C-alpha atoms as a PDB file:
ATOM      1  CA  MET A   1       7.888  81.128 -28.863  1.00  0.00           C
ATOM      2  CA  GLU A   2       5.590  78.214 -29.085  1.00  0.00           C
ATOM      3  CA  GLN A   3       8.367  75.837 -29.985  1.00  0.00           C
ATOM      4  CA  ILE A   4      10.428  77.070 -27.132  1.00  0.00           C
ATOM      5  CA  LEU A   5       7.677  76.303 -24.615  1.00  0.00           C
ATOM      6  CA  ASP A   6       7.065  72.843 -26.239  1.00  0.00           C
ATOM      7  CA  GLU A   7      10.671  71.968 -25.652  1.00  0.00           C
ATOM      8  CA  ASP A   8      10.414  73.080 -21.949  1.00  0.00           C
ATOM      9  CA  THR A   9       7.340  70.995 -21.649  1.00  0.00           C
ATOM     10  CA  LEU A  10       9.290  68.003 -22.974  1.00  0.00           C
ATOM     11  CA  ILE A  11      12.327  68.689 -20.817  1.00  0.00           C
ATOM     12  CA  ILE A  12      10.097  68.877 -17.604  1.00  0.00           C
ATOM     13  CA  THR A  13       8.295  65.668 -18.720  1.00  0.00           C
ATOM     14  CA  LEU A  14      11.698  63.793 -19.296  1.00  0.00           C
ATOM     15  CA  GLU A  15      12.880  64.973 -15.889  1.00  0.00           C
ATOM     16  CA  GLN A  16       9.718  63.736 -14.086  1.00  0.00           C
ATOM     17  CA  SER A  17       9.998  60.527 -16.104  1.00  0.00           C
ATOM     18  CA  LYS A  18      13.615  60.084 -14.774  1.00  0.00           C
ATOM     19  CA  VAL A  19      12.506  60.762 -11.067  1.00  0.00           C
ATOM     20  CA  THR A  20       9.553  58.344 -11.565  1.00  0.00           C
ATOM     21  CA  SER A  21      11.745  55.645 -13.076  1.00  0.00           C
ATOM     22  CA  GLY A  22      14.078  56.018 -10.150  1.00  0.00           C
ATOM     23  CA  GLU A  23      11.396  55.700  -7.629  1.00  0.00           C
ATOM     24  CA  ILE A  24      10.076  52.530  -9.432  1.00  0.00           C
ATOM     25  CA  ASN A  25      13.705  50.931  -9.510  1.00  0.00           C
ATOM     26  CA  THR A  26      14.058  51.623  -5.706  1.00  0.00           C
ATOM     27  CA  ARG A  27      10.842  49.958  -4.934  1.00  0.00           C
ATOM     28  CA  MET A  28      11.711  47.152  -7.228  1.00  0.00           C
ATOM     29  CA  GLU A  29      14.905  46.430  -5.288  1.00  0.00           C
ATOM     30  CA  LYS A  30      13.017  46.928  -2.003  1.00  0.00           C
ATOM     31  CA  ALA A  31      10.459  44.467  -3.174  1.00  0.00           C
ATOM     32  CA  ALA A  32      13.249  42.020  -4.307  1.00  0.00           C
ATOM     33  CA  GLU A  33      14.735  42.149  -0.770  1.00  0.00           C
ATOM     34  CA  VAL A  34      11.379  41.713   1.016  1.00  0.00           C
ATOM     35  CA  SER A  35      10.864  38.808  -1.444  1.00  0.00           C
ATOM     36  CA  ILE A  36      14.144  37.112  -0.422  1.00  0.00           C
ATOM     37  CA  ASP A  37      13.436  37.620   3.288  1.00  0.00           C
ATOM     38  CA  ILE A  38       9.718  36.062   2.961  1.00  0.00           C
ATOM     39  CA  ASN A  39      11.345  32.909   1.095  1.00  0.00           C
ATOM     40  CA  LYS A  40      13.925  32.348   3.774  1.00  0.00           C
ATOM     41  CA  THR A  41      11.196  32.870   6.540  1.00  0.00           C
ATOM     42  CA  ARG A  42       8.949  30.293   4.579  1.00  0.00           C
ATOM     43  CA  GLN A  43      11.642  27.984   4.013  1.00  0.00           C
ATOM     44  CA  SER A  44      12.557  28.126   7.916  1.00  0.00           C
ATOM     45  CA  TYR A  45       9.058  26.998   8.753  1.00  0.00           C
ATOM     46  CA  ALA A  46       8.944  24.190   6.184  1.00  0.00           C
ATOM     47  CA  THR A  47       9.142  21.404   8.984  1.00  0.00           C
ATOM     48  CA  VAL A  48       5.961  22.839  10.635  1.00  0.00           C
ATOM     49  CA  ALA A  49       3.977  22.795   7.132  1.00  0.00           C
ATOM     50  CA  THR A  50       5.439  19.253   6.471  1.00  0.00           C
ATOM     51  CA  ARG A  51       3.978  18.031   9.889  1.00  0.00           C
ATOM     52  CA  GLY A  52       0.668  19.739   9.045  1.00  0.00           C
ATOM     53  CA  SER A  53       0.473  17.896   5.639  1.00  0.00           C
ATOM     54  CA  ILE A  54       1.409  14.410   7.339  1.00  0.00           C
ATOM     55  CA  LEU A  55      -1.374  14.925   9.691  1.00  0.00           C
ATOM     56  CA  TYR A  56      -4.000  15.924   7.056  1.00  0.00           C
ATOM     57  CA  PHE A  57      -3.057  12.638   4.997  1.00  0.00           C
ATOM     58  CA  VAL A  58      -3.427  10.404   7.948  1.00  0.00           C
ATOM     59  CA  ILE A  59      -6.840  12.070   8.910  1.00  0.00           C
ATOM     60  CA  ALA A  60      -7.902  11.485   5.180  1.00  0.00           C
ATOM     61  CA  ASP A  61      -6.828   7.907   5.171  1.00  0.00           C
ATOM     62  CA  MET A  62      -9.101   7.452   8.359  1.00  0.00           C
ATOM     63  CA  ALA A  63     -12.235   7.811   5.965  1.00  0.00           C
ATOM     64  CA  ASN A  64     -11.054   4.341   4.755  1.00  0.00           C
ATOM     65  CA  ILE A  65     -11.840   2.775   7.972  1.00  0.00           C
ATOM     66  CA  ASN A  66     -15.168   4.320   8.444  1.00  0.00           C
ATOM     67  CA  THR A  67     -17.085   6.913   6.038  1.00  0.00           C
ATOM     68  CA  MET A  68     -18.061   8.896   9.275  1.00  0.00           C
ATOM     69  CA  TYR A  69     -14.336   9.912   9.574  1.00  0.00           C
ATOM     70  CA  GLN A  70     -14.337  12.404   6.709  1.00  0.00           C
ATOM     71  CA  ASN A  71     -12.822  15.690   7.569  1.00  0.00           C
ATOM     72  CA  SER A  72     -12.459  18.504   5.020  1.00  0.00           C
ATOM     73  CA  LEU A  73      -9.165  20.276   4.548  1.00  0.00           C
ATOM     74  CA  GLN A  74     -10.645  23.599   5.684  1.00  0.00           C
ATOM     75  CA  PHE A  75     -11.532  22.205   9.021  1.00  0.00           C
ATOM     76  CA  VAL A  76      -7.929  20.909   9.349  1.00  0.00           C
ATOM     77  CA  LYS A  77      -6.619  24.128   8.444  1.00  0.00           C
ATOM     78  CA  VAL A  78      -8.778  25.921  10.800  1.00  0.00           C
ATOM     79  CA  LEU A  79      -7.384  23.568  13.653  1.00  0.00           C
ATOM     80  CA  PHE A  80      -3.731  24.163  12.320  1.00  0.00           C
ATOM     81  CA  ASN A  81      -4.195  27.929  12.700  1.00  0.00           C
ATOM     82  CA  LYS A  82      -5.783  28.052  15.809  1.00  0.00           C
ATOM     83  CA  ALA A  83      -2.716  25.804  17.071  1.00  0.00           C
ATOM     84  CA  ILE A  84      -0.229  28.497  15.690  1.00  0.00           C
ATOM     85  CA  ASP A  85      -2.290  31.166  17.608  1.00  0.00           C
ATOM     86  CA  ALA A  86      -2.056  29.154  20.786  1.00  0.00           C
ATOM     87  CA  THR A  87       1.583  28.534  20.601  1.00  0.00           C
ATOM     88  CA  PRO A  88       3.852  30.790  22.776  1.00  0.00           C
ATOM     89  CA  LYS A  89       6.161  33.201  20.959  1.00  0.00           C
ATOM     90  CA  ASN A  90       9.802  32.688  20.997  1.00  0.00           C
ATOM     91  CA  ASP A  91      12.670  34.571  19.342  1.00  0.00           C
ATOM     92  CA  ASN A  92      14.761  31.109  19.153  1.00  0.00           C
ATOM     93  CA  LEU A  93      13.745  29.689  16.023  1.00  0.00           C
ATOM     94  CA  GLU A  94      14.677  26.068  16.905  1.00  0.00           C
ATOM     95  CA  ILE A  95      12.560  26.379  20.039  1.00  0.00           C
ATOM     96  CA  ARG A  96       9.780  28.143  18.123  1.00  0.00           C
ATOM     97  CA  LEU A  97       9.522  25.305  15.589  1.00  0.00           C
ATOM     98  CA  HIS A  98       9.646  22.622  18.230  1.00  0.00           C
ATOM     99  CA  ASP A  99       6.804  24.335  20.158  1.00  0.00           C
ATOM    100  CA  LEU A 100       4.855  24.752  16.797  1.00  0.00           C
ATOM    101  CA  ILE A 101       5.132  20.961  15.994  1.00  0.00           C
ATOM    102  CA  GLN A 102       4.158  20.043  19.407  1.00  0.00           C
ATOM    103  CA  THR A 103       1.293  22.071  19.804  1.00  0.00           C
ATOM    104  CA  ILE A 104      -0.110  21.476  16.193  1.00  0.00           C
ATOM    105  CA  THR A 105       0.233  17.812  16.764  1.00  0.00           C
ATOM    106  CA  LYS A 106      -1.506  17.616  19.924  1.00  0.00           C
ATOM    107  CA  ALA A 107      -4.325  19.964  19.073  1.00  0.00           C
ATOM    108  CA  ILE A 108      -5.211  18.248  15.798  1.00  0.00           C
ATOM    109  CA  TYR A 109      -4.847  14.779  17.307  1.00  0.00           C
ATOM    110  CA  SER A 110      -6.906  15.750  20.304  1.00  0.00           C
ATOM    111  CA  ASN A 111      -9.789  17.461  18.075  1.00  0.00           C
ATOM    112  CA  ILE A 112      -9.884  14.449  15.436  1.00  0.00           C
ATOM    113  CA  SER A 113      -9.830  11.841  18.174  1.00  0.00           C
ATOM    114  CA  ARG A 114     -12.894  13.107  19.972  1.00  0.00           C
ATOM    115  CA  GLY A 115     -14.932  11.965  16.654  1.00  0.00           C
ATOM    116  CA  LEU A 116     -13.459   8.430  16.530  1.00  0.00           C
ATOM    117  CA  PHE A 117     -14.535   5.189  18.040  1.00  0.00           C
ATOM    118  CA  GLU A 118     -12.609   4.006  21.046  1.00  0.00           C
ATOM    119  CA  ALA A 119     -11.119   1.030  19.100  1.00  0.00           C
ATOM    120  CA  ASP A 120     -10.081   3.345  16.183  1.00  0.00           C
ATOM    121  CA  LYS A 121      -8.109   5.750  18.179  1.00  0.00           C
ATOM    122  CA  LEU A 122      -5.025   3.375  18.649  1.00  0.00           C
ATOM    123  CA  ILE A 123      -5.005   2.870  14.771  1.00  0.00           C
ATOM    124  CA  PHE A 124      -5.099   6.691  14.412  1.00  0.00           C
ATOM    125  CA  THR A 125      -2.367   7.173  16.751  1.00  0.00           C
ATOM    126  CA  TYR A 126      -0.142   4.374  15.050  1.00  0.00           C
ATOM    127  CA  LEU A 127      -0.572   6.024  11.756  1.00  0.00           C
ATOM    128  CA  ILE A 128       0.373   9.352  12.986  1.00  0.00           C
ATOM    129  CA  SER A 129       3.508   7.734  14.532  1.00  0.00           C
ATOM    130  CA  THR A 130       4.517   5.566  11.688  1.00  0.00           C
ATOM    131  CA  SER A 131       4.049   8.408   8.985  1.00  0.00           C
ATOM    132  CA  VAL A 132       6.080  10.896  11.122  1.00  0.00           C
ATOM    133  CA  ASN A 133       8.818   8.176  11.418  1.00  0.00           C
ATOM    134  CA  ARG A 134       8.685   7.092   7.752  1.00  0.00           C
ATOM    135  CA  HIS A 135       9.120  10.680   6.796  1.00  0.00           C
ATOM    136  CA  ALA A 136      11.966  11.184   9.023  1.00  0.00           C
ATOM    137  CA  GLY A 137      13.763   8.102   7.781  1.00  0.00           C
ATOM    138  CA  ILE A 138      13.622   6.135  11.070  1.00  0.00           C
ATOM    139  CA  ILE A 139      11.218   3.665   9.234  1.00  0.00           C
ATOM    140  CA  ALA A 140      12.843   2.415   6.197  1.00  0.00           C
ATOM    141  CA  PRO A 141      10.526   1.771   3.091  1.00  0.00           C
ATOM    142  CA  ALA A 142      11.810  -1.724   2.876  1.00  0.00           C
ATOM    143  CA  GLY A 143      10.717  -2.456   6.542  1.00  0.00           C
ATOM    144  CA  TRP A 144       7.323  -0.670   6.149  1.00  0.00           C
ATOM    145  CA  ASN A 145       6.631  -2.871   2.931  1.00  0.00           C
ATOM    146  CA  THR A 146       7.564  -5.865   4.719  1.00  0.00           C
ATOM    147  CA  LEU A 147       5.256  -5.054   7.524  1.00  0.00           C
ATOM    148  CA  LEU A 148       2.493  -4.392   5.091  1.00  0.00           C
ATOM    149  CA  ARG A 149       3.003  -7.151   2.528  1.00  0.00           C
ATOM    150  CA  GLY A 150       5.076  -9.707   4.213  1.00  0.00           C
ATOM    151  CA  ALA A 151       7.739 -11.488   2.500  1.00  0.00           C
ATOM    152  CA  ILE A 152       8.727 -10.743  -0.984  1.00  0.00           C
ATOM    153  CA  PRO A 153       9.516 -13.213  -3.682  1.00  0.00           C
ATOM    154  CA  LEU A 154      13.268 -14.397  -3.335  1.00  0.00           C
ATOM    155  CA  THR A 155      15.559 -14.547  -6.242  1.00  0.00           C
ATOM    156  CA  ALA A 156      17.357 -17.602  -7.024  1.00  0.00           C
ATOM    157  CA  GLN A 157      20.514 -16.329  -5.481  1.00  0.00           C
ATOM    158  CA  GLN A 158      18.717 -15.501  -2.424  1.00  0.00           C
ATOM    159  CA  LYS A 159      17.062 -18.847  -2.116  1.00  0.00           C
ATOM    160  CA  ASP A 160      20.474 -20.581  -2.629  1.00  0.00           C
ATOM    161  CA  LYS A 161      21.972 -18.599   0.265  1.00  0.00           C
ATOM    162  CA  LYS A 162      19.030 -18.945   2.617  1.00  0.00           C
ATOM    163  CA  PRO A 163      20.464 -20.582   5.892  1.00  0.00           C
ATOM    164  CA  LEU A 164      18.173 -22.990   7.943  1.00  0.00           C
ATOM    165  CA  ASN A 165      15.765 -21.681  10.568  1.00  0.00           C
ATOM    166  CA  PRO A 166      17.856 -20.691  13.394  1.00  0.00           C
ATOM    167  CA  LEU A 167      15.261 -20.865  15.755  1.00  0.00           C
ATOM    168  CA  PRO A 168      12.917 -23.848  14.585  1.00  0.00           C
ATOM    169  CA  ASN A 169      11.460 -24.370  18.093  1.00  0.00           C
ATOM    170  CA  LEU A 170      10.271 -20.793  18.371  1.00  0.00           C
ATOM    171  CA  MET A 171       9.788 -19.566  14.722  1.00  0.00           C
ATOM    172  CA  SER A 172       7.737 -21.039  12.267  1.00  0.00           C
ATOM    173  CA  GLU A 173       9.034 -21.415   8.574  1.00  0.00           C
ATOM    174  CA  ASN A 174       6.454 -18.823   7.363  1.00  0.00           C
ATOM    175  CA  ALA A 175       7.631 -16.290  10.088  1.00  0.00           C
ATOM    176  CA  TYR A 176      11.161 -17.289   9.199  1.00  0.00           C
ATOM    177  CA  THR A 177      10.564 -16.419   5.592  1.00  0.00           C
ATOM    178  CA  ILE A 178       9.537 -12.975   6.434  1.00  0.00           C
ATOM    179  CA  LEU A 179      12.381 -12.429   8.594  1.00  0.00           C
ATOM    180  CA  TYR A 180      14.761 -13.480   5.877  1.00  0.00           C
ATOM    181  CA  SER A 181      12.927 -11.391   3.358  1.00  0.00           C
ATOM    182  CA  ALA A 182      13.453  -8.300   5.538  1.00  0.00           C
ATOM    183  CA  TYR A 183      16.984  -9.468   5.996  1.00  0.00           C
ATOM    184  CA  CYS A 184      17.595  -9.256   2.350  1.00  0.00           C
ATOM    185  CA  GLN A 185      16.246  -5.957   1.895  1.00  0.00           C
ATOM    186  CA  ILE A 186      17.316  -4.066   5.243  1.00  0.00           C
ATOM    187  CA  PRO A 187      20.972  -3.385   5.784  1.00  0.00           C
ATOM    188  CA  ASN A 188      20.484  -2.952   9.421  1.00  0.00           C
ATOM    189  CA  LEU A 189      19.458  -6.552   9.959  1.00  0.00           C
ATOM    190  CA  ASP A 190      22.810  -7.908   8.626  1.00  0.00           C
ATOM    191  CA  GLY A 191      24.176 -10.612  10.947  1.00  0.00           C
ATOM    192  CA  ILE A 192      20.833 -11.083  12.836  1.00  0.00           C
ATOM    193  CA  ILE A 193      20.298 -14.673  11.744  1.00  0.00           C
ATOM    194  CA  VAL A 194      23.839 -15.811  12.668  1.00  0.00           C
ATOM    195  CA  ASP A 195      23.287 -13.963  16.007  1.00  0.00           C
ATOM    196  CA  MET A 196      20.035 -15.885  16.689  1.00  0.00           C
ATOM    197  CA  LYS A 197      21.796 -19.281  15.924  1.00  0.00           C
ATOM    198  CA  GLU A 198      24.769 -18.391  18.081  1.00  0.00           C
ATOM    199  CA  ARG A 199      22.683 -16.838  20.969  1.00  0.00           C
ATOM    200  CA  GLU A 200      19.708 -18.900  21.027  1.00  0.00           C
ATOM    201  CA  GLU A 201      19.125 -18.810  24.787  1.00  0.00           C
ATOM    202  CA  ASP A 202      19.049 -14.979  24.722  1.00  0.00           C
ATOM    203  CA  TRP A 203      16.635 -14.926  21.825  1.00  0.00           C
ATOM    204  CA  SER A 204      14.525 -17.550  23.496  1.00  0.00           C
ATOM    205  CA  THR A 205      14.263 -15.533  26.700  1.00  0.00           C
ATOM    206  CA  TRP A 206      12.938 -12.740  24.927  1.00  0.00           C
ATOM    207  CA  ALA A 207      10.425 -14.567  22.704  1.00  0.00           C
ATOM    208  CA  THR A 208       9.046 -16.521  25.544  1.00  0.00           C
ATOM    209  CA  SER A 209       8.597 -13.534  27.838  1.00  0.00           C
ATOM    210  CA  ALA A 210       5.053 -12.537  28.749  1.00  0.00           C
ATOM    211  CA  ASP A 211       5.141  -9.449  26.647  1.00  0.00           C
ATOM    212  CA  PRO A 212       7.870  -9.512  24.183  1.00  0.00           C
ATOM    213  CA  GLN A 213       6.490  -6.411  22.223  1.00  0.00           C
ATOM    214  CA  ASP A 214       7.291  -4.383  25.428  1.00  0.00           C
ATOM    215  CA  GLU A 215      10.840  -6.023  25.726  1.00  0.00           C
ATOM    216  CA  LEU A 216      13.893  -4.875  24.383  1.00  0.00           C
ATOM    217  CA  LEU A 217      15.465  -7.318  21.671  1.00  0.00           C
ATOM    218  CA  PRO A 218      18.780  -8.982  22.608  1.00  0.00           C
ATOM    219  CA  GLU A 219      21.771  -6.522  22.310  1.00  0.00           C
ATOM    220  CA  PRO A 220      22.766  -5.007  19.921  1.00  0.00           C
ATOM    221  CA  TRP A 221      19.306  -5.322  18.056  1.00  0.00           C
END
């Protein structure tokens, strides 16, 4: 009798184990589905996270200008989260991402700018703008390096092919060396030296204007 009861207990235990195992498998399948949804959602907001990281590293770099400009990651995260909460909800993902990026950028920029000297606000603005454009590929690495470091050493072949200064009355040899260095590295500048030579008057008009930095370069440049 005892053996029969033991067998019944075993059978009941096995049946319960099957039920429990089935429930666990169902939950694991649901958890896997939820994990996939979470990853998709996380990836869709990657551009927002990227903008946040760009802003943080610019803020961190400002400490190199003045030690008073030190801001912790925790502080920037608080500003970031507050900006997310302040952004209006929208079911359209593209609009939502655009609004988040705009709100986060403005909020963090405004808060950090309050702690900067007036003379350094322009530098802060410039670093944010160039960092965003560099990440987007609008500013090429070769162009950025030329801006920071000037002309790179030319190869023997590049030196042999270097044409004469197309605008000797307007451009110093040092400035022309930097231009030629950029020309050798940046494909988009292909033809600019020949164009300067052929359209000297157009380039002279631009170069001698009161504020050439605010004027458009001669077409198509």
